[in-house]
All heavy atoms as atom14 arrays in JSON, in Angstrom:
{
  "sequence": "QGVQRNAQEAYAWLLVASEFGNHSVDAQLQSSMEADLGKTGAD",
  "atom14_mask": [
    [1, 1, 1, 1, 1, 1, 1, 1, 1, 0, 0, 0, 0, 0],
    [1, 1, 1, 1, 0, 0, 0, 0, 0, 0, 0, 0, 0, 0],
    [1, 1, 1, 1, 1, 1, 1, 0, 0, 0, 0, 0, 0, 0],
    [1, 1, 1, 1, 1, 1, 1, 1, 1, 0, 0, 0, 0, 0],
    [1, 1, 1, 1, 1, 1, 1, 1, 1, 1, 1, 0, 0, 0],
    [1, 1, 1, 1, 1, 1, 1, 1, 0, 0, 0, 0, 0, 0],
    [1, 1, 1, 1, 1, 0, 0, 0, 0, 0, 0, 0, 0, 0],
    [1, 1, 1, 1, 1, 1, 1, 1, 1, 0, 0, 0, 0, 0],
    [1, 1, 1, 1, 1, 1, 1, 1, 1, 0, 0, 0, 0, 0],
    [1, 1, 1, 1, 1, 0, 0, 0, 0, 0, 0, 0, 0, 0],
    [1, 1, 1, 1, 1, 1, 1, 1, 1, 1, 1, 1, 0, 0],
    [1, 1, 1, 1, 1, 0, 0, 0, 0, 0, 0, 0, 0, 0],
    [1, 1, 1, 1, 1, 1, 1, 1, 1, 1, 1, 1, 1, 1],
    [1, 1, 1, 1, 1, 1, 1, 1, 0, 0, 0, 0, 0, 0],
    [1, 1, 1, 1, 1, 1, 1, 1, 0, 0, 0, 0, 0, 0],
    [1, 1, 1, 1, 1, 1, 1, 0, 0, 0, 0, 0, 0, 0],
    [1, 1, 1, 1, 1, 0, 0, 0, 0, 0, 0, 0, 0, 0],
    [1, 1, 1, 1, 1, 1, 0, 0, 0, 0, 0, 0, 0, 0],
    [1, 1, 1, 1, 1, 1, 1, 1, 1, 0, 0, 0, 0, 0],
    [1, 1, 1, 1, 1, 1, 1, 1, 1, 1, 1, 0, 0, 0],
    [1, 1, 1, 1, 0, 0, 0, 0, 0, 0, 0, 0, 0, 0],
    [1, 1, 1, 1, 1, 1, 1, 1, 0, 0, 0, 0, 0, 0],
    [1, 1, 1, 1, 1, 1, 1, 1, 1, 1, 0, 0, 0, 0],
    [1, 1, 1, 1, 1, 1, 0, 0, 0, 0, 0, 0, 0, 0],
    [1, 1, 1, 1, 1, 1, 1, 0, 0, 0, 0, 0, 0, 0],
    [1, 1, 1, 1, 1, 1, 1, 1, 0, 0, 0, 0, 0, 0],
    [1, 1, 1, 1, 1, 0, 0, 0, 0, 0, 0, 0, 0, 0],
    [1, 1, 1, 1, 1, 1, 1, 1, 1, 0, 0, 0, 0, 0],
    [1, 1, 1, 1, 1, 1, 1, 1, 0, 0, 0, 0, 0, 0],
    [1, 1, 1, 1, 1, 1, 1, 1, 1, 0, 0, 0, 0, 0],
    [1, 1, 1, 1, 1, 1, 0, 0, 0, 0, 0, 0, 0, 0],
    [1, 1, 1, 1, 1, 1, 0, 0, 0, 0, 0, 0, 0, 0],
    [1, 1, 1, 1, 1, 1, 1, 1, 0, 0, 0, 0, 0, 0],
    [1, 1, 1, 1, 1, 1, 1, 1, 1, 0, 0, 0, 0, 0],
    [1, 1, 1, 1, 1, 0, 0, 0, 0, 0, 0, 0, 0, 0],
    [1, 1, 1, 1, 1, 1, 1, 1, 0, 0, 0, 0, 0, 0],
    [1, 1, 1, 1, 1, 1, 1, 1, 0, 0, 0, 0, 0, 0],
    [1, 1, 1, 1, 0, 0, 0, 0, 0, 0, 0, 0, 0, 0],
    [1, 1, 1, 1, 1, 1, 1, 1, 1, 0, 0, 0, 0, 0],
    [1, 1, 1, 1, 1, 1, 1, 0, 0, 0, 0, 0, 0, 0],
    [1, 1, 1, 1, 0, 0, 0, 0, 0, 0, 0, 0, 0, 0],
    [1, 1, 1, 1, 1, 0, 0, 0, 0, 0, 0, 0, 0, 0],
    [1, 1, 1, 1, 1, 1, 1, 1, 0, 0, 0, 0, 0, 0]
  ],
  "atom14_positions": [
    [[0.85, -1.23, 0.04], [0.01, -0.04, 0.01], [0.88, 1.24, 0.05], [1.65, 1.45, 0.88], [-0.92, 0.03, 1.27], [-2.01, -1.02, 1.18], [-2.8, -1.06, 2.41], [-2.32, -1.34, 3.54], [-4.12, -0.81, 2.33], [0.0, 0.0, 0.0], [0.0, 0.0, 0.0], [0.0, 0.0, 0.0], [0.0, 0.0, 0.0], [0.0, 0.0, 0.0]],
    [[0.78, 2.0, -1.11], [1.54, 3.32, -1.2], [2.92, 3.07, -1.64], [3.68, 4.01, -1.79], [0.0, 0.0, 0.0], [0.0, 0.0, 0.0], [0.0, 0.0, 0.0], [0.0, 0.0, 0.0], [0.0, 0.0, 0.0], [0.0, 0.0, 0.0], [0.0, 0.0, 0.0], [0.0, 0.0, 0.0], [0.0, 0.0, 0.0], [0.0, 0.0, 0.0]],
    [[3.3, 1.75, -1.83], [4.69, 1.5, -2.25], [4.7, 0.1, -2.89], [3.8, -0.71, -2.55], [5.64, 1.52, -0.97], [5.26, 0.39, -0.01], [7.06, 1.44, -1.38], [0.0, 0.0, 0.0], [0.0, 0.0, 0.0], [0.0, 0.0, 0.0], [0.0, 0.0, 0.0], [0.0, 0.0, 0.0], [0.0, 0.0, 0.0], [0.0, 0.0, 0.0]],
    [[5.65, -0.2, -3.75], [5.74, -1.56, -4.3], [6.07, -2.52, -3.16], [6.85, -2.28, -2.34], [6.79, -1.62, -5.34], [6.87, -3.03, -6.07], [7.88, -2.96, -7.21], [8.31, -1.9, -7.55], [8.15, -4.1, -7.75], [0.0, 0.0, 0.0], [0.0, 0.0, 0.0], [0.0, 0.0, 0.0], [0.0, 0.0, 0.0], [0.0, 0.0, 0.0]],
    [[5.33, -3.66, -3.16], [5.63, -4.68, -2.15], [7.06, -5.11, -2.07], [7.65, -5.44, -3.12], [4.73, -5.88, -2.32], [4.78, -6.91, -1.15], [3.81, -8.13, -1.24], [3.73, -8.87, -0.04], [4.57, -9.81, 0.34], [5.5, -10.22, -0.49], [4.39, -10.52, 1.46], [0.0, 0.0, 0.0], [0.0, 0.0, 0.0], [0.0, 0.0, 0.0]],
    [[7.65, -5.13, -0.89], [9.05, -5.52, -0.72], [9.12, -6.19, 0.59], [9.38, -5.66, 1.63], [9.95, -4.27, -0.76], [11.44, -4.64, -0.8], [11.81, -5.69, -0.25], [12.31, -3.85, -1.37], [0.0, 0.0, 0.0], [0.0, 0.0, 0.0], [0.0, 0.0, 0.0], [0.0, 0.0, 0.0], [0.0, 0.0, 0.0], [0.0, 0.0, 0.0]],
    [[9.0, -7.55, 0.57], [8.91, -8.4, 1.76], [10.3, -8.37, 2.46], [10.33, -8.32, 3.77], [8.45, -9.8, 1.47], [0.0, 0.0, 0.0], [0.0, 0.0, 0.0], [0.0, 0.0, 0.0], [0.0, 0.0, 0.0], [0.0, 0.0, 0.0], [0.0, 0.0, 0.0], [0.0, 0.0, 0.0], [0.0, 0.0, 0.0], [0.0, 0.0, 0.0]],
    [[11.28, -8.47, 1.68], [12.71, -8.46, 2.39], [12.92, -7.21, 3.24], [13.31, -7.2, 4.32], [13.77, -8.62, 1.33], [15.18, -8.66, 2.05], [16.28, -8.76, 0.95], [16.3, -9.68, 0.15], [17.28, -7.8, 1.1], [0.0, 0.0, 0.0], [0.0, 0.0, 0.0], [0.0, 0.0, 0.0], [0.0, 0.0, 0.0], [0.0, 0.0, 0.0]],
    [[12.64, -6.05, 2.57], [12.83, -4.75, 3.37], [11.87, -4.69, 4.54], [12.17, -4.19, 5.63], [12.61, -3.56, 2.41], [12.88, -2.27, 3.16], [12.72, -1.04, 2.23], [12.43, -1.17, 1.07], [12.77, 0.09, 2.79], [0.0, 0.0, 0.0], [0.0, 0.0, 0.0], [0.0, 0.0, 0.0], [0.0, 0.0, 0.0], [0.0, 0.0, 0.0]],
    [[10.67, -5.22, 4.32], [9.61, -5.22, 5.41], [10.08, -6.0, 6.65], [10.13, -5.47, 7.74], [8.29, -5.71, 4.94], [0.0, 0.0, 0.0], [0.0, 0.0, 0.0], [0.0, 0.0, 0.0], [0.0, 0.0, 0.0], [0.0, 0.0, 0.0], [0.0, 0.0, 0.0], [0.0, 0.0, 0.0], [0.0, 0.0, 0.0], [0.0, 0.0, 0.0]],
    [[10.62, -7.2, 6.4], [11.15, -8.02, 7.53], [12.37, -7.42, 8.15], [12.61, -7.61, 9.29], [11.27, -9.39, 7.06], [9.98, -10.24, 6.86], [9.48, -10.49, 5.69], [9.15, -10.52, 8.0], [8.22, -11.12, 5.51], [7.98, -11.19, 7.95], [7.53, -11.44, 6.64], [6.3, -12.07, 6.5], [0.0, 0.0, 0.0], [0.0, 0.0, 0.0]],
    [[13.22, -6.77, 7.31], [14.35, -6.04, 7.84], [13.96, -5.0, 8.94], [14.49, -4.92, 9.96], [15.16, -5.54, 6.67], [0.0, 0.0, 0.0], [0.0, 0.0, 0.0], [0.0, 0.0, 0.0], [0.0, 0.0, 0.0], [0.0, 0.0, 0.0], [0.0, 0.0, 0.0], [0.0, 0.0, 0.0], [0.0, 0.0, 0.0], [0.0, 0.0, 0.0]],
    [[12.86, -4.27, 8.5], [12.4, -3.2, 9.4], [11.87, -3.84, 10.65], [11.92, -3.27, 11.77], [11.41, -2.28, 8.69], [12.09, -1.2, 7.84], [12.04, -1.03, 6.54], [12.98, -0.11, 8.37], [12.77, -0.07, 6.14], [13.32, 0.58, 7.22], [13.42, 0.2, 9.61], [14.21, 1.69, 7.35], [14.21, 1.32, 9.75], [14.65, 2.03, 8.65]],
    [[11.1, -4.95, 10.49], [10.57, -5.65, 11.71], [11.65, -6.08, 12.58], [11.56, -6.01, 13.77], [9.64, -6.78, 11.28], [8.38, -6.45, 10.57], [7.6, -7.71, 10.13], [7.44, -5.6, 11.57], [0.0, 0.0, 0.0], [0.0, 0.0, 0.0], [0.0, 0.0, 0.0], [0.0, 0.0, 0.0], [0.0, 0.0, 0.0], [0.0, 0.0, 0.0]],
    [[12.73, -6.66, 12.01], [13.84, -7.09, 12.87], [14.5, -5.86, 13.65], [14.87, -5.99, 14.75], [14.94, -7.72, 11.97], [14.59, -9.13, 11.49], [15.54, -9.45, 10.24], [14.7, -10.14, 12.58], [0.0, 0.0, 0.0], [0.0, 0.0, 0.0], [0.0, 0.0, 0.0], [0.0, 0.0, 0.0], [0.0, 0.0, 0.0], [0.0, 0.0, 0.0]],
    [[14.56, -4.72, 12.97], [15.09, -3.5, 13.6], [14.13, -3.07, 14.64], [14.59, -2.67, 15.82], [15.34, -2.41, 12.51], [15.68, -1.1, 13.15], [16.4, -2.77, 11.48], [0.0, 0.0, 0.0], [0.0, 0.0, 0.0], [0.0, 0.0, 0.0], [0.0, 0.0, 0.0], [0.0, 0.0, 0.0], [0.0, 0.0, 0.0], [0.0, 0.0, 0.0]],
    [[12.89, -3.12, 14.38], [11.88, -2.67, 15.4], [12.02, -3.55, 16.69], [11.98, -3.0, 17.75], [10.42, -2.85, 14.86], [0.0, 0.0, 0.0], [0.0, 0.0, 0.0], [0.0, 0.0, 0.0], [0.0, 0.0, 0.0], [0.0, 0.0, 0.0], [0.0, 0.0, 0.0], [0.0, 0.0, 0.0], [0.0, 0.0, 0.0], [0.0, 0.0, 0.0]],
    [[12.2, -4.87, 16.51], [12.44, -5.71, 17.64], [13.68, -5.33, 18.44], [13.72, -5.27, 19.65], [12.47, -7.17, 17.18], [12.6, -8.06, 18.34], [0.0, 0.0, 0.0], [0.0, 0.0, 0.0], [0.0, 0.0, 0.0], [0.0, 0.0, 0.0], [0.0, 0.0, 0.0], [0.0, 0.0, 0.0], [0.0, 0.0, 0.0], [0.0, 0.0, 0.0]],
    [[14.77, -5.09, 17.64], [16.05, -4.65, 18.35], [15.93, -3.45, 19.12], [16.52, -3.25, 20.1], [17.13, -4.52, 17.24], [17.8, -5.76, 16.72], [18.62, -6.48, 17.8], [19.41, -5.74, 18.44], [18.42, -7.66, 17.96], [0.0, 0.0, 0.0], [0.0, 0.0, 0.0], [0.0, 0.0, 0.0], [0.0, 0.0, 0.0], [0.0, 0.0, 0.0]],
    [[15.07, -2.49, 18.68], [14.82, -1.26, 19.42], [13.74, -1.31, 20.38], [13.32, -0.23, 20.89], [14.65, -0.12, 18.39], [15.9, 0.45, 17.77], [16.13, 0.25, 16.41], [16.86, 1.06, 18.51], [17.29, 0.77, 15.81], [18.04, 1.52, 17.93], [18.26, 1.34, 16.62], [0.0, 0.0, 0.0], [0.0, 0.0, 0.0], [0.0, 0.0, 0.0]],
    [[13.23, -2.47, 20.75], [12.4, -2.67, 21.84], [10.85, -2.86, 21.57], [10.13, -3.08, 22.54], [0.0, 0.0, 0.0], [0.0, 0.0, 0.0], [0.0, 0.0, 0.0], [0.0, 0.0, 0.0], [0.0, 0.0, 0.0], [0.0, 0.0, 0.0], [0.0, 0.0, 0.0], [0.0, 0.0, 0.0], [0.0, 0.0, 0.0], [0.0, 0.0, 0.0]],
    [[10.44, -2.93, 20.26], [9.1, -3.15, 19.96], [8.85, -4.62, 19.74], [8.96, -5.11, 18.64], [8.73, -2.39, 18.68], [7.18, -2.57, 18.34], [6.5, -3.3, 18.93], [6.8, -1.93, 17.19], [0.0, 0.0, 0.0], [0.0, 0.0, 0.0], [0.0, 0.0, 0.0], [0.0, 0.0, 0.0], [0.0, 0.0, 0.0], [0.0, 0.0, 0.0]],
    [[8.61, -5.39, 20.8], [8.57, -6.83, 20.73], [7.24, -7.41, 20.37], [6.98, -8.56, 20.21], [9.0, -7.44, 22.11], [10.43, -7.11, 22.39], [11.46, -7.64, 21.68], [11.01, -6.43, 23.33], [12.65, -7.23, 22.19], [12.36, -6.45, 23.2], [0.0, 0.0, 0.0], [0.0, 0.0, 0.0], [0.0, 0.0, 0.0], [0.0, 0.0, 0.0]],
    [[6.27, -6.43, 20.0], [4.94, -6.9, 19.44], [5.17, -7.49, 18.06], [4.23, -8.1, 17.57], [4.04, -5.71, 19.37], [4.42, -4.77, 18.5], [0.0, 0.0, 0.0], [0.0, 0.0, 0.0], [0.0, 0.0, 0.0], [0.0, 0.0, 0.0], [0.0, 0.0, 0.0], [0.0, 0.0, 0.0], [0.0, 0.0, 0.0], [0.0, 0.0, 0.0]],
    [[6.31, -7.26, 17.47], [6.52, -7.84, 16.11], [7.19, -9.24, 16.14], [7.37, -9.92, 15.12], [7.54, -6.89, 15.24], [6.95, -5.47, 15.16], [8.92, -6.84, 15.86], [0.0, 0.0, 0.0], [0.0, 0.0, 0.0], [0.0, 0.0, 0.0], [0.0, 0.0, 0.0], [0.0, 0.0, 0.0], [0.0, 0.0, 0.0], [0.0, 0.0, 0.0]],
    [[7.62, -9.67, 17.3], [8.37, -10.88, 17.41], [7.56, -12.13, 16.88], [8.3, -13.01, 16.2], [8.86, -11.18, 18.85], [9.9, -10.16, 19.31], [10.33, -9.37, 18.46], [10.17, -10.14, 20.53], [0.0, 0.0, 0.0], [0.0, 0.0, 0.0], [0.0, 0.0, 0.0], [0.0, 0.0, 0.0], [0.0, 0.0, 0.0], [0.0, 0.0, 0.0]],
    [[6.37, -12.23, 17.23], [5.58, -13.41, 16.81], [5.47, -13.48, 15.29], [5.58, -14.57, 14.68], [4.25, -13.39, 17.47], [0.0, 0.0, 0.0], [0.0, 0.0, 0.0], [0.0, 0.0, 0.0], [0.0, 0.0, 0.0], [0.0, 0.0, 0.0], [0.0, 0.0, 0.0], [0.0, 0.0, 0.0], [0.0, 0.0, 0.0], [0.0, 0.0, 0.0]],
    [[5.25, -12.34, 14.71], [5.22, -12.22, 13.24], [6.55, -12.68, 12.55], [6.56, -13.42, 11.58], [4.83, -10.84, 12.76], [4.69, -10.64, 11.22], [4.28, -9.22, 10.85], [4.24, -8.34, 11.71], [4.03, -9.05, 9.57], [0.0, 0.0, 0.0], [0.0, 0.0, 0.0], [0.0, 0.0, 0.0], [0.0, 0.0, 0.0], [0.0, 0.0, 0.0]],
    [[7.62, -12.24, 13.16], [8.85, -12.63, 12.61], [9.12, -14.16, 12.75], [9.61, -14.77, 11.75], [10.01, -11.9, 13.4], [10.23, -10.41, 13.1], [11.12, -9.78, 14.13], [10.88, -10.25, 11.64], [0.0, 0.0, 0.0], [0.0, 0.0, 0.0], [0.0, 0.0, 0.0], [0.0, 0.0, 0.0], [0.0, 0.0, 0.0], [0.0, 0.0, 0.0]],
    [[8.78, -14.69, 13.91], [8.96, -16.11, 14.1], [8.07, -16.98, 13.17], [8.53, -18.07, 12.69], [8.75, -16.45, 15.58], [9.79, -15.97, 16.48], [9.31, -15.98, 17.94], [8.33, -16.6, 18.32], [10.12, -15.26, 18.82], [0.0, 0.0, 0.0], [0.0, 0.0, 0.0], [0.0, 0.0, 0.0], [0.0, 0.0, 0.0], [0.0, 0.0, 0.0]],
    [[6.84, -16.56, 12.95], [5.92, -17.32, 12.18], [5.97, -17.12, 10.66], [5.61, -18.05, 9.89], [4.5, -17.08, 12.74], [4.11, -15.76, 12.45], [0.0, 0.0, 0.0], [0.0, 0.0, 0.0], [0.0, 0.0, 0.0], [0.0, 0.0, 0.0], [0.0, 0.0, 0.0], [0.0, 0.0, 0.0], [0.0, 0.0, 0.0], [0.0, 0.0, 0.0]],
    [[6.36, -15.92, 10.26], [6.18, -15.55, 8.87], [7.42, -15.28, 8.03], [7.35, -15.5, 6.78], [5.29, -14.23, 8.78], [4.09, -14.48, 9.46], [0.0, 0.0, 0.0], [0.0, 0.0, 0.0], [0.0, 0.0, 0.0], [0.0, 0.0, 0.0], [0.0, 0.0, 0.0], [0.0, 0.0, 0.0], [0.0, 0.0, 0.0], [0.0, 0.0, 0.0]],
    [[8.56, -14.85, 8.64], [9.65, -14.37, 7.79], [10.18, -15.46, 6.87], [10.25, -15.25, 5.63], [10.79, -13.84, 8.67], [11.96, -13.22, 7.93], [13.07, -12.25, 8.83], [13.91, -13.5, 9.77], [0.0, 0.0, 0.0], [0.0, 0.0, 0.0], [0.0, 0.0, 0.0], [0.0, 0.0, 0.0], [0.0, 0.0, 0.0], [0.0, 0.0, 0.0]],
    [[10.59, -16.61, 7.42], [11.11, -17.61, 6.56], [10.07, -18.22, 5.63], [10.38, -18.65, 4.47], [11.88, -18.74, 7.39], [13.11, -18.2, 7.96], [14.19, -19.25, 8.27], [13.92, -20.39, 7.86], [15.19, -18.9, 8.93], [0.0, 0.0, 0.0], [0.0, 0.0, 0.0], [0.0, 0.0, 0.0], [0.0, 0.0, 0.0], [0.0, 0.0, 0.0]],
    [[8.81, -18.33, 6.13], [7.74, -18.89, 5.23], [7.51, -17.92, 4.08], [7.23, -18.41, 2.91], [6.46, -18.96, 6.06], [0.0, 0.0, 0.0], [0.0, 0.0, 0.0], [0.0, 0.0, 0.0], [0.0, 0.0, 0.0], [0.0, 0.0, 0.0], [0.0, 0.0, 0.0], [0.0, 0.0, 0.0], [0.0, 0.0, 0.0], [0.0, 0.0, 0.0]],
    [[7.66, -16.69, 4.27], [7.44, -15.67, 3.14], [8.72, -15.49, 2.29], [8.55, -15.41, 1.07], [7.2, -14.36, 3.79], [6.48, -13.34, 2.86], [6.37, -13.65, 1.65], [6.04, -12.28, 3.22], [0.0, 0.0, 0.0], [0.0, 0.0, 0.0], [0.0, 0.0, 0.0], [0.0, 0.0, 0.0], [0.0, 0.0, 0.0], [0.0, 0.0, 0.0]],
    [[9.87, -15.52, 2.86], [11.13, -15.2, 2.15], [11.93, -16.46, 1.76], [12.79, -16.37, 0.8], [12.01, -14.24, 2.86], [11.42, -12.89, 3.21], [12.47, -12.12, 4.1], [11.16, -12.13, 2.0], [0.0, 0.0, 0.0], [0.0, 0.0, 0.0], [0.0, 0.0, 0.0], [0.0, 0.0, 0.0], [0.0, 0.0, 0.0], [0.0, 0.0, 0.0]],
    [[11.81, -17.57, 2.46], [12.68, -18.66, 2.36], [13.92, -18.44, 3.15], [14.17, -17.26, 3.6], [0.0, 0.0, 0.0], [0.0, 0.0, 0.0], [0.0, 0.0, 0.0], [0.0, 0.0, 0.0], [0.0, 0.0, 0.0], [0.0, 0.0, 0.0], [0.0, 0.0, 0.0], [0.0, 0.0, 0.0], [0.0, 0.0, 0.0], [0.0, 0.0, 0.0]],
    [[14.79, -19.43, 3.34], [15.94, -19.15, 4.15], [16.91, -18.15, 3.58], [17.45, -17.26, 4.29], [16.72, -20.51, 4.34], [17.85, -20.39, 5.32], [18.51, -21.76, 5.54], [19.6, -21.6, 6.68], [20.49, -20.48, 6.47], [0.0, 0.0, 0.0], [0.0, 0.0, 0.0], [0.0, 0.0, 0.0], [0.0, 0.0, 0.0], [0.0, 0.0, 0.0]],
    [[17.15, -18.27, 2.29], [18.06, -17.32, 1.65], [17.56, -15.86, 1.79], [18.33, -14.95, 2.08], [18.32, -17.64, 0.18], [18.8, -18.95, 0.02], [19.22, -16.66, -0.46], [0.0, 0.0, 0.0], [0.0, 0.0, 0.0], [0.0, 0.0, 0.0], [0.0, 0.0, 0.0], [0.0, 0.0, 0.0], [0.0, 0.0, 0.0], [0.0, 0.0, 0.0]],
    [[16.28, -15.68, 1.57], [15.69, -14.31, 1.67], [15.69, -13.83, 3.1], [15.93, -12.65, 3.37], [0.0, 0.0, 0.0], [0.0, 0.0, 0.0], [0.0, 0.0, 0.0], [0.0, 0.0, 0.0], [0.0, 0.0, 0.0], [0.0, 0.0, 0.0], [0.0, 0.0, 0.0], [0.0, 0.0, 0.0], [0.0, 0.0, 0.0], [0.0, 0.0, 0.0]],
    [[15.46, -14.73, 4.02], [15.46, -14.39, 5.45], [16.82, -13.94, 5.84], [17.02, -12.96, 6.64], [15.01, -15.49, 6.29], [0.0, 0.0, 0.0], [0.0, 0.0, 0.0], [0.0, 0.0, 0.0], [0.0, 0.0, 0.0], [0.0, 0.0, 0.0], [0.0, 0.0, 0.0], [0.0, 0.0, 0.0], [0.0, 0.0, 0.0], [0.0, 0.0, 0.0]],
    [[17.87, -14.66, 5.37], [19.28, -14.25, 5.75], [19.54, -12.89, 5.16], [20.28, -12.05, 5.74], [20.17, -15.3, 5.17], [20.18, -16.64, 6.03], [19.68, -16.56, 7.15], [20.74, -17.62, 5.45], [0.0, 0.0, 0.0], [0.0, 0.0, 0.0], [0.0, 0.0, 0.0], [0.0, 0.0, 0.0], [0.0, 0.0, 0.0], [0.0, 0.0, 0.0]]
  ]
}
């Protein structure tokens, strides 16, 4: 929405959000990142 979909960048920002203390994103990272990106994309 408002931008071309970019799952890799999205999960990168979720990882950063968790690092800076927003742990409401942790469940999404654990359940969705590798499923959406695959292992190579998640790395």
